[in-house]
Amino acid sequence: MSKPIKASVAKQHFDHLLEGVRTQGEQYEIQEEGRTVAVLIPPADFQAFHQQQRLKEQAWTDLEALLEKVHARNAHIPPEQVARDVEAAIREVRAQKKR
């Protein structure tokens, strides 16, 4: 859990904060006027965050590619038919949930 700390205090005690991050894995939210403007976290947490971002970006890329395949495969179907099929599928799912 990160600890909020005013930017002015963080400036005065930066060496101490770094030591807490380095040795105890502490996390700090540097705040100005009650708003977080920066964070101080251990490198492992930073790397994990970036790894999570890369995975999220890859998931979106994969989803977009899949959607393109689906659209290409169904390009011959009129949009009105797609809308009717989607509505029917939604009704079916809702009916199954009621059971």
N, C-alpha and C. Protein backbone atom coordinates (compact mmCIF):
# COMPACT_ATOMS: atom_id res chain seq x y z
N MET A 1 0.85 -1.17 0.00
CA MET A 1 0.00 0.00 0.00
C MET A 1 0.89 1.23 0.00
N SER A 2 0.60 2.17 -0.87
CA SER A 2 1.42 3.37 -0.97
C SER A 2 1.02 4.38 0.11
N LYS A 3 1.99 5.17 0.48
CA LYS A 3 1.78 6.19 1.51
C LYS A 3 1.78 7.56 0.86
N PRO A 4 0.74 8.36 1.09
CA PRO A 4 0.74 9.71 0.53
C PRO A 4 1.71 10.59 1.31
N ILE A 5 2.42 11.44 0.57
CA ILE A 5 3.35 12.37 1.22
C ILE A 5 3.38 13.66 0.40
N LYS A 6 3.37 14.79 1.09
CA LYS A 6 3.39 16.08 0.40
C LYS A 6 4.73 16.25 -0.32
N ALA A 7 4.68 16.88 -1.49
CA ALA A 7 5.89 17.09 -2.28
C ALA A 7 6.95 17.86 -1.50
N SER A 8 6.52 18.84 -0.73
CA SER A 8 7.49 19.63 0.04
C SER A 8 8.21 18.76 1.07
N VAL A 9 7.49 17.83 1.69
CA VAL A 9 8.10 16.91 2.66
C VAL A 9 9.00 15.91 1.93
N ALA A 10 8.56 15.43 0.78
CA ALA A 10 9.35 14.48 0.00
C ALA A 10 10.69 15.11 -0.39
N LYS A 11 10.68 16.39 -0.76
CA LYS A 11 11.92 17.07 -1.12
C LYS A 11 12.89 17.09 0.06
N GLN A 12 12.36 17.36 1.23
CA GLN A 12 13.21 17.47 2.42
C GLN A 12 13.77 16.12 2.86
N HIS A 13 13.03 15.03 2.61
CA HIS A 13 13.40 13.72 3.12
C HIS A 13 13.62 12.70 2.00
N PHE A 14 14.05 13.17 0.84
CA PHE A 14 14.16 12.29 -0.31
C PHE A 14 15.11 11.12 -0.06
N ASP A 15 16.26 11.38 0.55
CA ASP A 15 17.21 10.29 0.84
C ASP A 15 16.56 9.23 1.71
N HIS A 16 15.82 9.66 2.72
CA HIS A 16 15.15 8.72 3.63
C HIS A 16 14.08 7.91 2.88
N LEU A 17 13.32 8.58 2.01
CA LEU A 17 12.29 7.88 1.24
C LEU A 17 12.93 6.84 0.32
N LEU A 18 14.01 7.22 -0.36
CA LEU A 18 14.70 6.26 -1.22
C LEU A 18 15.18 5.05 -0.44
N GLU A 19 15.69 5.28 0.74
CA GLU A 19 16.16 4.17 1.56
C GLU A 19 15.00 3.23 1.92
N GLY A 20 13.84 3.80 2.25
CA GLY A 20 12.66 2.97 2.56
C GLY A 20 12.21 2.16 1.36
N VAL A 21 12.27 2.76 0.19
CA VAL A 21 11.90 2.04 -1.04
C VAL A 21 12.91 0.93 -1.30
N ARG A 22 14.18 1.29 -1.20
CA ARG A 22 15.26 0.34 -1.50
C ARG A 22 15.29 -0.84 -0.54
N THR A 23 15.17 -0.59 0.76
CA THR A 23 15.36 -1.65 1.74
C THR A 23 14.09 -2.33 2.21
N GLN A 24 12.96 -1.60 2.16
CA GLN A 24 11.73 -2.15 2.71
C GLN A 24 10.60 -2.26 1.68
N GLY A 25 10.89 -1.85 0.45
CA GLY A 25 9.87 -1.95 -0.59
C GLY A 25 8.71 -0.99 -0.41
N GLU A 26 8.95 0.09 0.31
CA GLU A 26 7.87 1.06 0.53
C GLU A 26 7.51 1.77 -0.76
N GLN A 27 6.29 2.28 -0.79
CA GLN A 27 5.78 3.01 -1.95
C GLN A 27 5.23 4.34 -1.46
N TYR A 28 5.49 5.40 -2.21
CA TYR A 28 5.01 6.73 -1.82
C TYR A 28 4.30 7.39 -2.99
N GLU A 29 3.21 8.07 -2.67
CA GLU A 29 2.52 8.91 -3.63
C GLU A 29 2.89 10.34 -3.28
N ILE A 30 3.61 10.99 -4.16
CA ILE A 30 4.02 12.38 -3.95
C ILE A 30 2.85 13.26 -4.37
N GLN A 31 2.40 14.11 -3.43
CA GLN A 31 1.18 14.88 -3.68
C GLN A 31 1.42 16.38 -3.57
N GLU A 32 0.71 17.10 -4.42
CA GLU A 32 0.65 18.55 -4.37
C GLU A 32 -0.83 18.93 -4.34
N GLU A 33 -1.19 19.71 -3.36
CA GLU A 33 -2.58 20.16 -3.21
C GLU A 33 -3.54 18.97 -3.21
N GLY A 34 -3.13 17.86 -2.58
CA GLY A 34 -3.99 16.69 -2.44
C GLY A 34 -4.08 15.80 -3.66
N ARG A 35 -3.35 16.13 -4.72
CA ARG A 35 -3.38 15.34 -5.95
C ARG A 35 -2.03 14.65 -6.14
N THR A 36 -2.06 13.38 -6.51
CA THR A 36 -0.84 12.64 -6.75
C THR A 36 -0.20 13.15 -8.04
N VAL A 37 1.08 13.54 -7.94
CA VAL A 37 1.80 14.05 -9.10
C VAL A 37 2.94 13.12 -9.51
N ALA A 38 3.33 12.21 -8.63
CA ALA A 38 4.39 11.26 -8.93
C ALA A 38 4.30 10.12 -7.92
N VAL A 39 4.96 9.01 -8.24
CA VAL A 39 5.03 7.90 -7.31
C VAL A 39 6.48 7.44 -7.19
N LEU A 40 6.81 6.93 -6.05
CA LEU A 40 8.14 6.38 -5.78
C LEU A 40 7.92 4.93 -5.39
N ILE A 41 8.37 4.02 -6.26
CA ILE A 41 8.13 2.59 -6.05
C ILE A 41 9.42 1.81 -6.32
N PRO A 42 9.50 0.60 -5.78
CA PRO A 42 10.67 -0.25 -6.05
C PRO A 42 10.73 -0.63 -7.54
N PRO A 43 11.95 -0.87 -8.03
CA PRO A 43 12.10 -1.24 -9.45
C PRO A 43 11.28 -2.47 -9.85
N ALA A 44 11.18 -3.46 -8.97
CA ALA A 44 10.41 -4.67 -9.32
C ALA A 44 8.94 -4.32 -9.57
N ASP A 45 8.39 -3.42 -8.79
CA ASP A 45 7.00 -2.99 -8.98
C ASP A 45 6.85 -2.25 -10.31
N PHE A 46 7.84 -1.42 -10.61
CA PHE A 46 7.84 -0.67 -11.86
C PHE A 46 7.90 -1.62 -13.05
N GLN A 47 8.78 -2.62 -12.98
CA GLN A 47 8.89 -3.61 -14.05
C GLN A 47 7.61 -4.41 -14.20
N ALA A 48 6.99 -4.78 -13.08
CA ALA A 48 5.73 -5.53 -13.13
C ALA A 48 4.64 -4.69 -13.79
N PHE A 49 4.61 -3.40 -13.47
CA PHE A 49 3.64 -2.50 -14.08
C PHE A 49 3.83 -2.47 -15.60
N HIS A 50 5.08 -2.31 -16.03
CA HIS A 50 5.34 -2.27 -17.47
C HIS A 50 5.01 -3.60 -18.15
N GLN A 51 5.29 -4.70 -17.49
CA GLN A 51 4.94 -6.00 -18.05
C GLN A 51 3.42 -6.12 -18.22
N GLN A 52 2.69 -5.66 -17.22
CA GLN A 52 1.23 -5.69 -17.29
C GLN A 52 0.74 -4.81 -18.43
N GLN A 53 1.35 -3.66 -18.62
CA GLN A 53 0.97 -2.78 -19.72
C GLN A 53 1.23 -3.44 -21.07
N ARG A 54 2.39 -4.11 -21.20
CA ARG A 54 2.70 -4.80 -22.45
C ARG A 54 1.69 -5.92 -22.72
N LEU A 55 1.32 -6.66 -21.68
CA LEU A 55 0.33 -7.72 -21.86
C LEU A 55 -1.02 -7.15 -22.27
N LYS A 56 -1.40 -6.05 -21.67
CA LYS A 56 -2.67 -5.41 -22.02
C LYS A 56 -2.66 -4.93 -23.47
N GLU A 57 -1.56 -4.31 -23.87
CA GLU A 57 -1.45 -3.85 -25.26
C GLU A 57 -1.50 -5.02 -26.23
N GLN A 58 -0.84 -6.12 -25.89
CA GLN A 58 -0.85 -7.30 -26.76
C GLN A 58 -2.26 -7.89 -26.85
N ALA A 59 -2.97 -7.90 -25.72
CA ALA A 59 -4.34 -8.41 -25.72
C ALA A 59 -5.23 -7.58 -26.65
N TRP A 60 -5.07 -6.24 -26.60
CA TRP A 60 -5.86 -5.39 -27.49
C TRP A 60 -5.49 -5.63 -28.95
N THR A 61 -4.20 -5.80 -29.22
CA THR A 61 -3.76 -6.08 -30.59
C THR A 61 -4.36 -7.39 -31.08
N ASP A 62 -4.33 -8.41 -30.22
CA ASP A 62 -4.90 -9.71 -30.59
C ASP A 62 -6.40 -9.60 -30.82
N LEU A 63 -7.09 -8.85 -29.96
CA LEU A 63 -8.53 -8.67 -30.12
C LEU A 63 -8.86 -7.95 -31.42
N GLU A 64 -8.11 -6.90 -31.72
CA GLU A 64 -8.35 -6.17 -32.96
C GLU A 64 -8.14 -7.07 -34.18
N ALA A 65 -7.10 -7.90 -34.14
CA ALA A 65 -6.85 -8.82 -35.25
C ALA A 65 -8.00 -9.82 -35.39
N LEU A 66 -8.48 -10.33 -34.27
CA LEU A 66 -9.60 -11.27 -34.29
C LEU A 66 -10.86 -10.60 -34.85
N LEU A 67 -11.13 -9.37 -34.43
CA LEU A 67 -12.30 -8.66 -34.94
C LEU A 67 -12.20 -8.43 -36.45
N GLU A 68 -11.00 -8.12 -36.92
CA GLU A 68 -10.82 -7.95 -38.36
C GLU A 68 -11.12 -9.24 -39.10
N LYS A 69 -10.68 -10.38 -38.56
CA LYS A 69 -10.97 -11.67 -39.19
C LYS A 69 -12.47 -11.94 -39.22
N VAL A 70 -13.14 -11.67 -38.11
CA VAL A 70 -14.58 -11.90 -38.04
C VAL A 70 -15.30 -11.00 -39.03
N HIS A 71 -14.92 -9.72 -39.07
CA HIS A 71 -15.56 -8.80 -40.01
C HIS A 71 -15.33 -9.24 -41.46
N ALA A 72 -14.10 -9.66 -41.75
CA ALA A 72 -13.80 -10.10 -43.12
C ALA A 72 -14.60 -11.35 -43.49
N ARG A 73 -14.71 -12.26 -42.52
CA ARG A 73 -15.44 -13.51 -42.78
C ARG A 73 -16.93 -13.25 -42.99
N ASN A 74 -17.44 -12.20 -42.38
CA ASN A 74 -18.87 -11.92 -42.45
C ASN A 74 -19.21 -10.70 -43.30
N ALA A 75 -18.27 -10.25 -44.11
CA ALA A 75 -18.47 -9.03 -44.91
C ALA A 75 -19.67 -9.14 -45.85
N HIS A 76 -20.01 -10.34 -46.25
CA HIS A 76 -21.11 -10.54 -47.21
C HIS A 76 -22.50 -10.45 -46.54
N ILE A 77 -22.54 -10.41 -45.22
CA ILE A 77 -23.82 -10.37 -44.50
C ILE A 77 -24.25 -8.92 -44.32
N PRO A 78 -25.48 -8.59 -44.72
CA PRO A 78 -25.96 -7.21 -44.58
C PRO A 78 -26.02 -6.79 -43.10
N PRO A 79 -25.70 -5.52 -42.81
CA PRO A 79 -25.72 -5.04 -41.43
C PRO A 79 -27.06 -5.26 -40.72
N GLU A 80 -28.15 -5.18 -41.47
CA GLU A 80 -29.46 -5.38 -40.86
C GLU A 80 -29.60 -6.81 -40.34
N GLN A 81 -29.08 -7.77 -41.10
CA GLN A 81 -29.13 -9.17 -40.68
C GLN A 81 -28.27 -9.38 -39.44
N VAL A 82 -27.11 -8.73 -39.40
CA VAL A 82 -26.24 -8.83 -38.22
C VAL A 82 -26.98 -8.29 -37.00
N ALA A 83 -27.63 -7.14 -37.14
CA ALA A 83 -28.37 -6.54 -36.03
C ALA A 83 -29.47 -7.48 -35.54
N ARG A 84 -30.21 -8.11 -36.48
CA ARG A 84 -31.27 -9.04 -36.09
C ARG A 84 -30.68 -10.25 -35.37
N ASP A 85 -29.56 -10.77 -35.86
CA ASP A 85 -28.93 -11.94 -35.23
C ASP A 85 -28.43 -11.60 -33.82
N VAL A 86 -27.85 -10.43 -33.67
CA VAL A 86 -27.36 -10.01 -32.35
C VAL A 86 -28.52 -9.86 -31.38
N GLU A 87 -29.58 -9.23 -31.81
CA GLU A 87 -30.76 -9.06 -30.95
C GLU A 87 -31.33 -10.41 -30.54
N ALA A 88 -31.40 -11.35 -31.48
CA ALA A 88 -31.90 -12.68 -31.17
C ALA A 88 -30.99 -13.39 -30.16
N ALA A 89 -29.69 -13.25 -30.32
CA ALA A 89 -28.75 -13.87 -29.40
C ALA A 89 -28.88 -13.27 -28.00
N ILE A 90 -29.07 -11.97 -27.93
CA ILE A 90 -29.25 -11.31 -26.63
C ILE A 90 -30.52 -11.81 -25.95
N ARG A 91 -31.61 -11.92 -26.71
CA ARG A 91 -32.86 -12.43 -26.14
C ARG A 91 -32.67 -13.85 -25.62
N GLU A 92 -31.95 -14.67 -26.37
CA GLU A 92 -31.71 -16.05 -25.97
C GLU A 92 -30.89 -16.12 -24.67
N VAL A 93 -29.86 -15.33 -24.58
CA VAL A 93 -29.03 -15.33 -23.37
C VAL A 93 -29.86 -14.87 -22.17
N ARG A 94 -30.64 -13.84 -22.35
CA ARG A 94 -31.48 -13.34 -21.24
C ARG A 94 -32.50 -14.38 -20.81
N ALA A 95 -33.06 -15.09 -21.79
CA ALA A 95 -34.03 -16.13 -21.45
C ALA A 95 -33.35 -17.26 -20.68
N GLN A 96 -32.15 -17.62 -21.05
CA GLN A 96 -31.42 -18.67 -20.34
C GLN A 96 -31.07 -18.25 -18.91
N LYS A 97 -30.77 -16.98 -18.71
CA LYS A 97 -30.45 -16.48 -17.36
C LYS A 97 -31.67 -16.55 -16.44
N LYS A 98 -32.86 -16.42 -17.00
CA LYS A 98 -34.08 -16.44 -16.20
C LYS A 98 -34.42 -17.84 -15.73
N ARG A 99 -33.87 -18.84 -16.37
CA ARG A 99 -34.20 -20.23 -16.03
C ARG A 99 -33.57 -20.63 -14.74
